[in-house]
Amino acid sequence: MSDRDSQSAGDAEEHDVLNEALGGVDEALAGRLTYDQQERLDKTKIQINMENERYLQAHPEIKDMIGVFVHQVLEYKPDDILRFAGDFFTRPDLYACVKKKSEEVRKN
């Protein structure tokens, strides 16, 4: 038996082992969702997106806070953005800073 024949035999044996492990499911179908699973997943995604949108609408300060953060990142261009973010979001005057900047933006 040549190397190529033994490799093909090994591949076929590996395929049979995999097929048996998957309970007879074809490899091409392994990991795919059924139609019902995909439908439930799509509905769940839509529901989560709607809940997130309602939350963001109920809390406009989130968008204001992120806007102020992005503005300051672009203004100061820190080398260590993670450290800058940590410092920004834990600063004692965060509320006052966001409120002030938000009011300035709304005036302009």
C-alpha atoms as a PDB file:
ATOM      1  CA  MET A   1       0.000   0.000   0.000  1.00  0.00           C
ATOM      2  CA  SER A   2       1.454   3.405  -0.980  1.00  0.00           C
ATOM      3  CA  ASP A   3       1.622   6.419   1.332  1.00  0.00           C
ATOM      4  CA  ARG A   4      -1.253   8.009  -0.595  1.00  0.00           C
ATOM      5  CA  ASP A   5      -3.423   4.872  -0.184  1.00  0.00           C
ATOM      6  CA  SER A   6      -2.674   4.647   3.538  1.00  0.00           C
ATOM      7  CA  GLN A   7      -3.466   8.369   3.927  1.00  0.00           C
ATOM      8  CA  SER A   8      -6.804   7.908   2.127  1.00  0.00           C
ATOM      9  CA  ALA A   9      -7.614   4.901   4.285  1.00  0.00           C
ATOM     10  CA  GLY A  10      -6.728   6.911   7.400  1.00  0.00           C
ATOM     11  CA  ASP A  11      -8.935   9.818   6.232  1.00  0.00           C
ATOM     12  CA  ALA A  12     -11.844   7.448   5.601  1.00  0.00           C
ATOM     13  CA  GLU A  13     -11.402   5.870   9.036  1.00  0.00           C
ATOM     14  CA  GLU A  14     -11.249   9.320  10.656  1.00  0.00           C
ATOM     15  CA  HIS A  15     -14.444  10.300   8.790  1.00  0.00           C
ATOM     16  CA  ASP A  16     -16.192   7.147  10.037  1.00  0.00           C
ATOM     17  CA  VAL A  17     -15.142   7.847  13.648  1.00  0.00           C
ATOM     18  CA  LEU A  18     -16.336  11.452  13.391  1.00  0.00           C
ATOM     19  CA  ASN A  19     -19.600  10.414  11.765  1.00  0.00           C
ATOM     20  CA  GLU A  20     -20.192   7.878  14.548  1.00  0.00           C
ATOM     21  CA  ALA A  21     -19.354  10.458  17.246  1.00  0.00           C
ATOM     22  CA  LEU A  22     -21.894  12.832  15.724  1.00  0.00           C
ATOM     23  CA  GLY A  23     -24.567  10.161  15.844  1.00  0.00           C
ATOM     24  CA  GLY A  24     -24.687   9.658  12.106  1.00  0.00           C
ATOM     25  CA  VAL A  25     -24.939  13.385  11.321  1.00  0.00           C
ATOM     26  CA  ASP A  26     -23.102  14.352   8.176  1.00  0.00           C
ATOM     27  CA  GLU A  27     -20.027  16.522   8.876  1.00  0.00           C
ATOM     28  CA  ALA A  28     -21.368  19.239   6.586  1.00  0.00           C
ATOM     29  CA  LEU A  29     -24.466  19.574   8.776  1.00  0.00           C
ATOM     30  CA  ALA A  30     -22.642  19.414  12.115  1.00  0.00           C
ATOM     31  CA  GLY A  31     -22.807  22.752  13.901  1.00  0.00           C
ATOM     32  CA  ARG A  32     -25.715  24.076  11.853  1.00  0.00           C
ATOM     33  CA  LEU A  33     -28.952  25.164  13.479  1.00  0.00           C
ATOM     34  CA  THR A  34     -32.255  23.649  12.545  1.00  0.00           C
ATOM     35  CA  TYR A  35     -34.879  25.938  11.036  1.00  0.00           C
ATOM     36  CA  ASP A  36     -36.718  26.139  14.391  1.00  0.00           C
ATOM     37  CA  GLN A  37     -33.500  26.857  16.301  1.00  0.00           C
ATOM     38  CA  GLN A  38     -32.560  29.604  13.855  1.00  0.00           C
ATOM     39  CA  GLU A  39     -36.042  31.094  14.101  1.00  0.00           C
ATOM     40  CA  ARG A  40     -35.880  31.141  17.927  1.00  0.00           C
ATOM     41  CA  LEU A  41     -32.389  32.645  17.794  1.00  0.00           C
ATOM     42  CA  ASP A  42     -33.542  35.395  15.422  1.00  0.00           C
ATOM     43  CA  LYS A  43     -36.545  36.215  17.629  1.00  0.00           C
ATOM     44  CA  THR A  44     -34.324  36.298  20.720  1.00  0.00           C
ATOM     45  CA  LYS A  45     -31.857  38.651  19.007  1.00  0.00           C
ATOM     46  CA  ILE A  46     -34.691  40.984  18.022  1.00  0.00           C
ATOM     47  CA  GLN A  47     -36.103  40.924  21.556  1.00  0.00           C
ATOM     48  CA  ILE A  48     -32.704  41.680  23.106  1.00  0.00           C
ATOM     49  CA  ASN A  49     -32.091  44.525  20.644  1.00  0.00           C
ATOM     50  CA  MET A  50     -35.493  46.027  21.454  1.00  0.00           C
ATOM     51  CA  GLU A  51     -34.857  45.770  25.207  1.00  0.00           C
ATOM     52  CA  ASN A  52     -31.435  47.380  24.788  1.00  0.00           C
ATOM     53  CA  GLU A  53     -32.900  50.217  22.709  1.00  0.00           C
ATOM     54  CA  ARG A  54     -35.604  50.864  25.315  1.00  0.00           C
ATOM     55  CA  TYR A  55     -32.955  50.945  28.035  1.00  0.00           C
ATOM     56  CA  LEU A  56     -30.792  53.404  26.089  1.00  0.00           C
ATOM     57  CA  GLN A  57     -33.810  55.617  25.430  1.00  0.00           C
ATOM     58  CA  ALA A  58     -34.684  55.575  29.128  1.00  0.00           C
ATOM     59  CA  HIS A  59     -31.086  56.529  30.019  1.00  0.00           C
ATOM     60  CA  PRO A  60     -29.855  59.247  27.629  1.00  0.00           C
ATOM     61  CA  GLU A  61     -26.976  59.926  30.000  1.00  0.00           C
ATOM     62  CA  ILE A  62     -25.281  56.791  28.616  1.00  0.00           C
ATOM     63  CA  LYS A  63     -24.961  58.318  25.157  1.00  0.00           C
ATOM     64  CA  ASP A  64     -23.859  61.605  26.713  1.00  0.00           C
ATOM     65  CA  MET A  65     -21.215  59.874  28.820  1.00  0.00           C
ATOM     66  CA  ILE A  66     -19.861  57.886  25.864  1.00  0.00           C
ATOM     67  CA  GLY A  67     -19.882  61.017  23.716  1.00  0.00           C
ATOM     68  CA  VAL A  68     -17.867  62.955  26.290  1.00  0.00           C
ATOM     69  CA  PHE A  69     -15.452  60.042  26.630  1.00  0.00           C
ATOM     70  CA  VAL A  70     -14.887  59.789  22.861  1.00  0.00           C
ATOM     71  CA  HIS A  71     -14.466  63.564  22.632  1.00  0.00           C
ATOM     72  CA  GLN A  72     -11.802  63.523  25.341  1.00  0.00           C
ATOM     73  CA  VAL A  73     -10.019  60.552  23.763  1.00  0.00           C
ATOM     74  CA  LEU A  74      -9.818  62.456  20.484  1.00  0.00           C
ATOM     75  CA  GLU A  75      -8.795  65.647  22.254  1.00  0.00           C
ATOM     76  CA  TYR A  76      -6.023  64.139  24.395  1.00  0.00           C
ATOM     77  CA  LYS A  77      -5.083  61.154  22.165  1.00  0.00           C
ATOM     78  CA  PRO A  78      -3.751  59.058  25.064  1.00  0.00           C
ATOM     79  CA  ASP A  79      -1.169  56.361  24.375  1.00  0.00           C
ATOM     80  CA  ASP A  80      -2.792  54.031  26.898  1.00  0.00           C
ATOM     81  CA  ILE A  81      -6.505  54.221  26.110  1.00  0.00           C
ATOM     82  CA  LEU A  82      -7.454  51.496  28.601  1.00  0.00           C
ATOM     83  CA  ARG A  83      -5.826  53.393  31.461  1.00  0.00           C
ATOM     84  CA  PHE A  84      -7.408  56.630  30.202  1.00  0.00           C
ATOM     85  CA  ALA A  85     -10.827  54.917  30.102  1.00  0.00           C
ATOM     86  CA  GLY A  86     -10.346  53.555  33.614  1.00  0.00           C
ATOM     87  CA  ASP A  87      -9.409  56.988  34.891  1.00  0.00           C
ATOM     88  CA  PHE A  88     -12.277  58.651  33.010  1.00  0.00           C
ATOM     89  CA  PHE A  89     -15.032  56.314  34.167  1.00  0.00           C
ATOM     90  CA  THR A  90     -13.880  56.256  37.806  1.00  0.00           C
ATOM     91  CA  ARG A  91     -13.241  59.979  38.242  1.00  0.00           C
ATOM     92  CA  PRO A  92     -15.169  61.466  41.169  1.00  0.00           C
ATOM     93  CA  ASP A  93     -16.532  64.333  39.094  1.00  0.00           C
ATOM     94  CA  LEU A  94     -17.799  62.160  36.211  1.00  0.00           C
ATOM     95  CA  TYR A  95     -21.421  63.147  36.730  1.00  0.00           C
ATOM     96  CA  ALA A  96     -20.649  66.872  36.761  1.00  0.00           C
ATOM     97  CA  CYS A  97     -18.276  66.571  33.793  1.00  0.00           C
ATOM     98  CA  VAL A  98     -20.802  64.705  31.629  1.00  0.00           C
ATOM     99  CA  LYS A  99     -23.626  67.023  32.630  1.00  0.00           C
ATOM    100  CA  LYS A 100     -21.566  70.136  31.822  1.00  0.00           C
ATOM    101  CA  LYS A 101     -20.318  68.838  28.462  1.00  0.00           C
ATOM    102  CA  SER A 102     -23.808  67.602  27.501  1.00  0.00           C
ATOM    103  CA  GLU A 103     -25.316  70.995  28.225  1.00  0.00           C
ATOM    104  CA  GLU A 104     -22.590  72.713  26.189  1.00  0.00           C
ATOM    105  CA  VAL A 105     -23.289  70.436  23.215  1.00  0.00           C
ATOM    106  CA  ARG A 106     -27.035  71.005  23.437  1.00  0.00           C
ATOM    107  CA  LYS A 107     -26.548  74.810  23.490  1.00  0.00           C
ATOM    108  CA  ASN A 108     -24.497  74.725  20.292  1.00  0.00           C
END
